[in-house]
Amino acid sequence: VVFALLRRSERPVISAIMGVLIDGMRSVPLL
């Protein structure tokens, strides 16, 4: 929930940082 709210933040810096973190983590296999 916190990640989703930060990703939708109106501040571009916060939104961009969260976007890199989320997309980067989702691009890597769990193993």
Full PDB file with SEQRES, HELIX, SHEET, SSBOND, CRYST1, ORIGX, SCALE, CONECT and MASTER records, all heavy atoms in Angstrom:
SEQRES   1 A   31  VAL VAL PHE ALA LEU LEU ARG ARG SER GLU ARG PRO VAL          
SEQRES   2 A   31  ILE SER ALA ILE MET GLY VAL LEU ILE ASP GLY MET ARG          
SEQRES   3 A   31  SER VAL PRO LEU LEU                                          
HELIX    1 AA1 VAL A    2  ARG A    7  1                                   6    
HELIX    2 AA2 PRO A   12  ARG A   26  1                                  15    
CRYST1    1.000    1.000    1.000  90.00  90.00  90.00 P 1           1          
ORIGX1      1.000000  0.000000  0.000000        0.00000                         
ORIGX2      0.000000  1.000000  0.000000        0.00000                         
ORIGX3      0.000000  0.000000  1.000000        0.00000                         
SCALE1      1.000000  0.000000  0.000000        0.00000                         
SCALE2      0.000000  1.000000  0.000000        0.00000                         
SCALE3      0.000000  0.000000  1.000000        0.00000                         
ATOM      1  N   VAL A   1       0.845  -1.205   0.000  1.00  0.00           N  
ATOM      2  CA  VAL A   1       0.000   0.000   0.000  1.00  0.00           C  
ATOM      3  C   VAL A   1       0.875   1.249   0.000  1.00  0.00           C  
ATOM      4  O   VAL A   1       0.610   2.210  -0.745  1.00  0.00           O  
ATOM      5  CB  VAL A   1      -0.945  -0.022   1.212  1.00  0.00           C  
ATOM      6  CG1 VAL A   1      -1.750   1.270   1.284  1.00  0.00           C  
ATOM      7  CG2 VAL A   1      -1.881  -1.223   1.146  1.00  0.00           C  
ATOM      8  N   VAL A   2       1.915   1.234   0.821  1.00  0.00           N  
ATOM      9  CA  VAL A   2       2.826   2.390   0.872  1.00  0.00           C  
ATOM     10  C   VAL A   2       3.510   2.580  -0.476  1.00  0.00           C  
ATOM     11  O   VAL A   2       3.612   3.712  -0.983  1.00  0.00           O  
ATOM     12  CB  VAL A   2       3.857   2.198   1.995  1.00  0.00           C  
ATOM     13  CG1 VAL A   2       4.882   3.333   1.979  1.00  0.00           C  
ATOM     14  CG2 VAL A   2       3.168   2.135   3.349  1.00  0.00           C  
ATOM     15  N   PHE A   3       3.976   1.511  -1.083  1.00  0.00           N  
ATOM     16  CA  PHE A   3       4.637   1.612  -2.384  1.00  0.00           C  
ATOM     17  C   PHE A   3       3.676   2.164  -3.442  1.00  0.00           C  
ATOM     18  O   PHE A   3       4.063   2.994  -4.279  1.00  0.00           O  
ATOM     19  CB  PHE A   3       5.149   0.242  -2.817  1.00  0.00           C  
ATOM     20  CG  PHE A   3       6.403  -0.198  -2.123  1.00  0.00           C  
ATOM     21  CD1 PHE A   3       7.000   0.598  -1.156  1.00  0.00           C  
ATOM     22  CD2 PHE A   3       7.000  -1.415  -2.425  1.00  0.00           C  
ATOM     23  CE1 PHE A   3       8.157   0.197  -0.509  1.00  0.00           C  
ATOM     24  CE2 PHE A   3       8.151  -1.826  -1.796  1.00  0.00           C  
ATOM     25  CZ  PHE A   3       8.728  -1.021  -0.832  1.00  0.00           C  
ATOM     26  N   ALA A   4       2.432   1.696  -3.426  1.00  0.00           N  
ATOM     27  CA  ALA A   4       1.458   2.166  -4.420  1.00  0.00           C  
ATOM     28  C   ALA A   4       1.176   3.649  -4.256  1.00  0.00           C  
ATOM     29  O   ALA A   4       1.071   4.394  -5.243  1.00  0.00           O  
ATOM     30  CB  ALA A   4       0.167   1.359  -4.306  1.00  0.00           C  
ATOM     31  N   LEU A   5       1.060   4.104  -3.007  1.00  0.00           N  
ATOM     32  CA  LEU A   5       0.802   5.534  -2.762  1.00  0.00           C  
ATOM     33  C   LEU A   5       2.001   6.381  -3.167  1.00  0.00           C  
ATOM     34  O   LEU A   5       1.833   7.467  -3.742  1.00  0.00           O  
ATOM     35  CB  LEU A   5       0.457   5.752  -1.289  1.00  0.00           C  
ATOM     36  CG  LEU A   5      -0.853   5.115  -0.804  1.00  0.00           C  
ATOM     37  CD1 LEU A   5      -1.032   5.342   0.692  1.00  0.00           C  
ATOM     38  CD2 LEU A   5      -2.043   5.669  -1.574  1.00  0.00           C  
ATOM     39  N   LEU A   6       3.202   5.897  -2.874  1.00  0.00           N  
ATOM     40  CA  LEU A   6       4.391   6.654  -3.265  1.00  0.00           C  
ATOM     41  C   LEU A   6       4.558   6.661  -4.785  1.00  0.00           C  
ATOM     42  O   LEU A   6       5.026   7.658  -5.350  1.00  0.00           O  
ATOM     43  CB  LEU A   6       5.636   6.045  -2.602  1.00  0.00           C  
ATOM     44  CG  LEU A   6       5.735   6.197  -1.089  1.00  0.00           C  
ATOM     45  CD1 LEU A   6       6.971   5.489  -0.551  1.00  0.00           C  
ATOM     46  CD2 LEU A   6       5.763   7.676  -0.678  1.00  0.00           C  
ATOM     47  N   ARG A   7       4.184   5.578  -5.431  1.00  0.00           N  
ATOM     48  CA  ARG A   7       4.280   5.540  -6.899  1.00  0.00           C  
ATOM     49  C   ARG A   7       3.325   6.554  -7.532  1.00  0.00           C  
ATOM     50  O   ARG A   7       3.609   7.082  -8.605  1.00  0.00           O  
ATOM     51  CB  ARG A   7       3.960   4.125  -7.382  1.00  0.00           C  
ATOM     52  CG  ARG A   7       4.076   3.934  -8.897  1.00  0.00           C  
ATOM     53  CD  ARG A   7       5.513   3.894  -9.337  1.00  0.00           C  
ATOM     54  NE  ARG A   7       5.653   3.781 -10.768  1.00  0.00           N  
ATOM     55  CZ  ARG A   7       5.738   2.614 -11.433  1.00  0.00           C  
ATOM     56  NH1 ARG A   7       5.701   1.469 -10.769  1.00  0.00           N  
ATOM     57  NH2 ARG A   7       5.875   2.599 -12.740  1.00  0.00           N  
ATOM     58  N   ARG A   8       2.201   6.828  -6.870  1.00  0.00           N  
ATOM     59  CA  ARG A   8       1.227   7.797  -7.385  1.00  0.00           C  
ATOM     60  C   ARG A   8       1.452   9.206  -6.840  1.00  0.00           C  
ATOM     61  O   ARG A   8       0.595  10.073  -6.997  1.00  0.00           O  
ATOM     62  CB  ARG A   8      -0.193   7.356  -7.031  1.00  0.00           C  
ATOM     63  CG  ARG A   8      -0.645   6.098  -7.712  1.00  0.00           C  
ATOM     64  CD  ARG A   8      -2.061   5.738  -7.339  1.00  0.00           C  
ATOM     65  NE  ARG A   8      -3.057   6.581  -8.002  1.00  0.00           N  
ATOM     66  CZ  ARG A   8      -3.841   7.455  -7.375  1.00  0.00           C  
ATOM     67  NH1 ARG A   8      -3.722   7.639  -6.072  1.00  0.00           N  
ATOM     68  NH2 ARG A   8      -4.735   8.161  -8.053  1.00  0.00           N  
ATOM     69  N   SER A   9       2.578   9.396  -6.183  1.00  0.00           N  
ATOM     70  CA  SER A   9       2.852  10.704  -5.597  1.00  0.00           C  
ATOM     71  C   SER A   9       2.894  11.792  -6.674  1.00  0.00           C  
ATOM     72  O   SER A   9       3.324  11.561  -7.810  1.00  0.00           O  
ATOM     73  CB  SER A   9       4.184  10.665  -4.843  1.00  0.00           C  
ATOM     74  OG  SER A   9       4.530  11.952  -4.362  1.00  0.00           O  
ATOM     75  N   GLU A  10       2.443  12.976  -6.319  1.00  0.00           N  
ATOM     76  CA  GLU A  10       2.466  14.102  -7.247  1.00  0.00           C  
ATOM     77  C   GLU A  10       3.853  14.707  -7.376  1.00  0.00           C  
ATOM     78  O   GLU A  10       4.066  15.593  -8.213  1.00  0.00           O  
ATOM     79  CB  GLU A  10       1.463  15.163  -6.785  1.00  0.00           C  
ATOM     80  CG  GLU A  10       0.018  14.667  -6.809  1.00  0.00           C  
ATOM     81  CD  GLU A  10      -0.957  15.727  -6.328  1.00  0.00           C  
ATOM     82  OE1 GLU A  10      -0.485  16.802  -5.878  1.00  0.00           O  
ATOM     83  OE2 GLU A  10      -2.180  15.492  -6.380  1.00  0.00           O  
ATOM     84  N   ARG A  11       4.784  14.279  -6.544  1.00  0.00           N  
ATOM     85  CA  ARG A  11       6.164  14.753  -6.634  1.00  0.00           C  
ATOM     86  C   ARG A  11       6.940  13.818  -7.561  1.00  0.00           C  
ATOM     87  O   ARG A  11       7.094  12.627  -7.270  1.00  0.00           O  
ATOM     88  CB  ARG A  11       6.804  14.805  -5.251  1.00  0.00           C  
ATOM     89  CG  ARG A  11       6.074  15.759  -4.307  1.00  0.00           C  
ATOM     90  CD  ARG A  11       6.795  15.906  -2.992  1.00  0.00           C  
ATOM     91  NE  ARG A  11       6.112  16.864  -2.125  1.00  0.00           N  
ATOM     92  CZ  ARG A  11       6.539  17.244  -0.927  1.00  0.00           C  
ATOM     93  NH1 ARG A  11       7.685  16.722  -0.459  1.00  0.00           N  
ATOM     94  NH2 ARG A  11       5.852  18.108  -0.210  1.00  0.00           N  
ATOM     95  N   PRO A  12       7.445  14.329  -8.666  1.00  0.00           N  
ATOM     96  CA  PRO A  12       8.088  13.465  -9.677  1.00  0.00           C  
ATOM     97  C   PRO A  12       9.274  12.675  -9.150  1.00  0.00           C  
ATOM     98  O   PRO A  12       9.495  11.534  -9.586  1.00  0.00           O  
ATOM     99  CB  PRO A  12       8.508  14.451 -10.777  1.00  0.00           C  
ATOM    100  CG  PRO A  12       7.635  15.648 -10.571  1.00  0.00           C  
ATOM    101  CD  PRO A  12       7.397  15.738  -9.099  1.00  0.00           C  
ATOM    102  N   VAL A  13      10.043  13.251  -8.222  1.00  0.00           N  
ATOM    103  CA  VAL A  13      11.235  12.554  -7.727  1.00  0.00           C  
ATOM    104  C   VAL A  13      10.836  11.286  -6.972  1.00  0.00           C  
ATOM    105  O   VAL A  13      11.383  10.198  -7.202  1.00  0.00           O  
ATOM    106  CB  VAL A  13      12.057  13.493  -6.818  1.00  0.00           C  
ATOM    107  CG1 VAL A  13      13.241  12.736  -6.219  1.00  0.00           C  
ATOM    108  CG2 VAL A  13      12.548  14.700  -7.601  1.00  0.00           C  
ATOM    109  N   ILE A  14       9.868  11.427  -6.078  1.00  0.00           N  
ATOM    110  CA  ILE A  14       9.424  10.272  -5.296  1.00  0.00           C  
ATOM    111  C   ILE A  14       8.804   9.215  -6.213  1.00  0.00           C  
ATOM    112  O   ILE A  14       9.086   8.018  -6.095  1.00  0.00           O  
ATOM    113  CB  ILE A  14       8.414  10.713  -4.226  1.00  0.00           C  
ATOM    114  CG1 ILE A  14       9.084  11.669  -3.236  1.00  0.00           C  
ATOM    115  CG2 ILE A  14       7.842   9.504  -3.499  1.00  0.00           C  
ATOM    116  CD1 ILE A  14       8.157  12.195  -2.165  1.00  0.00           C  
ATOM    117  N   SER A  15       7.974   9.647  -7.143  1.00  0.00           N  
ATOM    118  CA  SER A  15       7.334   8.715  -8.062  1.00  0.00           C  
ATOM    119  C   SER A  15       8.364   7.991  -8.923  1.00  0.00           C  
ATOM    120  O   SER A  15       8.244   6.775  -9.160  1.00  0.00           O  
ATOM    121  CB  SER A  15       6.333   9.455  -8.940  1.00  0.00           C  
ATOM    122  OG  SER A  15       5.733   8.589  -9.863  1.00  0.00           O  
ATOM    123  N   ALA A  16       9.381   8.714  -9.394  1.00  0.00           N  
ATOM    124  CA  ALA A  16      10.399   8.096 -10.244  1.00  0.00           C  
ATOM    125  C   ALA A  16      11.234   7.087  -9.466  1.00  0.00           C  
ATOM    126  O   ALA A  16      11.539   5.992  -9.968  1.00  0.00           O  
ATOM    127  CB  ALA A  16      11.298   9.176 -10.846  1.00  0.00           C  
ATOM    128  N   ILE A  17      11.616   7.429  -8.237  1.00  0.00           N  
ATOM    129  CA  ILE A  17      12.414   6.509  -7.416  1.00  0.00           C  
ATOM    130  C   ILE A  17      11.636   5.221  -7.139  1.00  0.00           C  
ATOM    131  O   ILE A  17      12.169   4.110  -7.262  1.00  0.00           O  
ATOM    132  CB  ILE A  17      12.839   7.184  -6.101  1.00  0.00           C  
ATOM    133  CG1 ILE A  17      13.820   8.328  -6.392  1.00  0.00           C  
ATOM    134  CG2 ILE A  17      13.463   6.175  -5.153  1.00  0.00           C  
ATOM    135  CD1 ILE A  17      14.208   9.131  -5.173  1.00  0.00           C  
ATOM    136  N   MET A  18      10.367   5.367  -6.782  1.00  0.00           N  
ATOM    137  CA  MET A  18       9.558   4.187  -6.515  1.00  0.00           C  
ATOM    138  C   MET A  18       9.333   3.367  -7.788  1.00  0.00           C  
ATOM    139  O   MET A  18       9.290   2.139  -7.747  1.00  0.00           O  
ATOM    140  CB  MET A  18       8.224   4.587  -5.909  1.00  0.00           C  
ATOM    141  CG  MET A  18       8.314   5.100  -4.484  1.00  0.00           C  
ATOM    142  SD  MET A  18       9.200   3.968  -3.379  1.00  0.00           S  
ATOM    143  CE  MET A  18       8.291   2.461  -3.599  1.00  0.00           C  
ATOM    144  N   GLY A  19       9.199   4.058  -8.913  1.00  0.00           N  
ATOM    145  CA  GLY A  19       9.035   3.331 -10.174  1.00  0.00           C  
ATOM    146  C   GLY A  19      10.245   2.479 -10.496  1.00  0.00           C  
ATOM    147  O   GLY A  19      10.119   1.325 -10.938  1.00  0.00           O  
ATOM    148  N   VAL A  20      11.460   3.034 -10.279  1.00  0.00           N  
ATOM    149  CA  VAL A  20      12.687   2.270 -10.529  1.00  0.00           C  
ATOM    150  C   VAL A  20      12.779   1.084  -9.577  1.00  0.00           C  
ATOM    151  O   VAL A  20      13.127  -0.039  -9.978  1.00  0.00           O  
ATOM    152  CB  VAL A  20      13.915   3.186 -10.389  1.00  0.00           C  
ATOM    153  CG1 VAL A  20      15.204   2.364 -10.440  1.00  0.00           C  
ATOM    154  CG2 VAL A  20      13.919   4.239 -11.488  1.00  0.00           C  
ATOM    155  N   LEU A  21      12.444   1.305  -8.291  1.00  0.00           N  
ATOM    156  CA  LEU A  21      12.517   0.220  -7.310  1.00  0.00           C  
ATOM    157  C   LEU A  21      11.533  -0.894  -7.642  1.00  0.00           C  
ATOM    158  O   LEU A  21      11.895  -2.079  -7.664  1.00  0.00           O  
ATOM    159  CB  LEU A  21      12.235   0.775  -5.915  1.00  0.00           C  
ATOM    160  CG  LEU A  21      12.104  -0.270  -4.788  1.00  0.00           C  
ATOM    161  CD1 LEU A  21      13.417  -1.020  -4.604  1.00  0.00           C  
ATOM    162  CD2 LEU A  21      11.684   0.396  -3.477  1.00  0.00           C  
ATOM    163  N   ILE A  22      10.287  -0.528  -7.925  1.00  0.00           N  
ATOM    164  CA  ILE A  22       9.257  -1.536  -8.182  1.00  0.00           C  
ATOM    165  C   ILE A  22       9.542  -2.288  -9.476  1.00  0.00           C  
ATOM    166  O   ILE A  22       9.516  -3.528  -9.515  1.00  0.00           O  
ATOM    167  CB  ILE A  22       7.874  -0.871  -8.223  1.00  0.00           C  
ATOM    168  CG1 ILE A  22       7.500  -0.355  -6.835  1.00  0.00           C  
ATOM    169  CG2 ILE A  22       6.821  -1.849  -8.723  1.00  0.00           C  
ATOM    170  CD1 ILE A  22       6.219   0.458  -6.807  1.00  0.00           C  
ATOM    171  N   ASP A  23       9.821  -1.563 -10.550  1.00  0.00           N  
ATOM    172  CA  ASP A  23      10.072  -2.227 -11.827  1.00  0.00           C  
ATOM    173  C   ASP A  23      11.356  -3.051 -11.790  1.00  0.00           C  
ATOM    174  O   ASP A  23      11.431  -4.121 -12.402  1.00  0.00           O  
ATOM    175  CB  ASP A  23      10.146  -1.191 -12.948  1.00  0.00           C  
ATOM    176  CG  ASP A  23       8.798  -0.525 -13.197  1.00  0.00           C  
ATOM    177  OD1 ASP A  23       7.777  -1.119 -12.830  1.00  0.00           O  
ATOM    178  OD2 ASP A  23       8.789   0.602 -13.750  1.00  0.00           O  
ATOM    179  N   GLY A  24      12.358  -2.543 -11.068  1.00  0.00           N  
ATOM    180  CA  GLY A  24      13.600  -3.309 -10.950  1.00  0.00           C  
ATOM    181  C   GLY A  24      13.407  -4.600 -10.183  1.00  0.00           C  
ATOM    182  O   GLY A  24      13.909  -5.654 -10.580  1.00  0.00           O  
ATOM    183  N   MET A  25      12.652  -4.547  -9.078  1.00  0.00           N  
ATOM    184  CA  MET A  25      12.414  -5.754  -8.299  1.00  0.00           C  
ATOM    185  C   MET A  25      11.545  -6.748  -9.062  1.00  0.00           C  
ATOM    186  O   MET A  25      11.777  -7.956  -9.002  1.00  0.00           O  
ATOM    187  CB  MET A  25      11.747  -5.377  -6.975  1.00  0.00           C  
ATOM    188  CG  MET A  25      11.628  -6.522  -5.980  1.00  0.00           C  
ATOM    189  SD  MET A  25      13.212  -7.095  -5.342  1.00  0.00           S  
ATOM    190  CE  MET A  25      13.661  -5.724  -4.283  1.00  0.00           C  
ATOM    191  N   ARG A  26      10.569  -6.263  -9.808  1.00  0.00           N  
ATOM    192  CA  ARG A  26       9.686  -7.144 -10.565  1.00  0.00           C  
ATOM    193  C   ARG A  26      10.383  -7.754 -11.782  1.00  0.00           C  
ATOM    194  O   ARG A  26       9.897  -8.734 -12.346  1.00  0.00           O  
ATOM    195  CB  ARG A  26       8.438  -6.383 -11.015  1.00  0.00           C  
ATOM    196  CG  ARG A  26       7.526  -5.985  -9.879  1.00  0.00           C  
ATOM    197  CD  ARG A  26       6.422  -5.047 -10.319  1.00  0.00           C  
ATOM    198  NE  ARG A  26       5.533  -5.711 -11.260  1.00  0.00           N  
ATOM    199  CZ  ARG A  26       5.273  -5.293 -12.478  1.00  0.00           C  
ATOM    200  NH1 ARG A  26       5.859  -4.195 -12.936  1.00  0.00           N  
ATOM    201  NH2 ARG A  26       4.432  -5.941 -13.259  1.00  0.00           N  
ATOM    202  N   SER A  27      11.505  -7.167 -12.180  1.00  0.00           N  
ATOM    203  CA  SER A  27      12.235  -7.684 -13.342  1.00  0.00           C  
ATOM    204  C   SER A  27      13.212  -8.794 -12.983  1.00  0.00           C  
ATOM    205  O   SER A  27      13.841  -9.376 -13.877  1.00  0.00           O  
ATOM    206  CB  SER A  27      13.002  -6.544 -14.021  1.00  0.00           C  
ATOM    207  OG  SER A  27      12.129  -5.504 -14.416  1.00  0.00           O  
ATOM    208  N   VAL A  28      13.348  -9.087 -11.698  1.00  0.00           N  
ATOM    209  CA  VAL A  28      14.314 -10.084 -11.234  1.00  0.00           C  
ATOM    210  C   VAL A  28      13.557 -11.297 -10.708  1.00  0.00           C  
ATOM    211  O   VAL A  28      12.574 -11.145  -9.983  1.00  0.00           O  
ATOM    212  CB  VAL A  28      15.209  -9.500 -10.124  1.00  0.00           C  
ATOM    213  CG1 VAL A  28      16.223 -10.529  -9.645  1.00  0.00           C  
ATOM    214  CG2 VAL A  28      15.923  -8.250 -10.628  1.00  0.00           C  
ATOM    215  N   PRO A  29      13.971 -12.511 -11.049  1.00  0.00           N  
ATOM    216  CA  PRO A  29      13.300 -13.705 -10.506  1.00  0.00           C  
ATOM    217  C   PRO A  29      13.414 -13.764  -8.988  1.00  0.00           C  
ATOM    218  O   PRO A  29      14.379 -13.265  -8.394  1.00  0.00           O  
ATOM    219  CB  PRO A  29      14.042 -14.869 -11.170  1.00  0.00           C  
ATOM    220  CG  PRO A  29      14.725 -14.274 -12.353  1.00  0.00           C  
ATOM    221  CD  PRO A  29      15.034 -12.855 -11.994  1.00  0.00           C  
ATOM    222  N   LEU A  30      12.434 -14.390  -8.367  1.00  0.00           N  
ATOM    223  CA  LEU A  30      12.427 -14.489  -6.911  1.00  0.00           C  
ATOM    224  C   LEU A  30      13.656 -15.223  -6.401  1.00  0.00           C  
ATOM    225  O   LEU A  30      14.227 -14.845  -5.364  1.00  0.00           O  
ATOM    226  CB  LEU A  30      11.154 -15.204  -6.447  1.00  0.00           C  
ATOM    227  CG  LEU A  30      11.060 -15.502  -4.951  1.00  0.00           C  
ATOM    228  CD1 LEU A  30      11.087 -14.218  -4.138  1.00  0.00           C  
ATOM    229  CD2 LEU A  30       9.808 -16.306  -4.641  1.00  0.00           C  
ATOM    230  N   LEU A  31      14.085 -16.253  -7.110  1.00  0.00           N  
ATOM    231  CA  LEU A  31      15.246 -17.010  -6.665  1.00  0.00           C  
ATOM    232  C   LEU A  31      16.491 -16.133  -6.598  1.00  0.00           C  
ATOM    233  O   LEU A  31      17.283 -16.224  -5.657  1.00  0.00           O  
ATOM    234  CB  LEU A  31      15.485 -18.196  -7.607  1.00  0.00           C  
ATOM    235  CG  LEU A  31      16.591 -19.161  -7.201  1.00  0.00           C  
ATOM    236  CD1 LEU A  31      16.308 -19.754  -5.833  1.00  0.00           C  
ATOM    237  CD2 LEU A  31      16.748 -20.264  -8.243  1.00  0.00           C  
TER     238      LEU A  31                                                      
MASTER        0    0    0    2    0    0    0    6  237    1    0    3          
END                                                                             
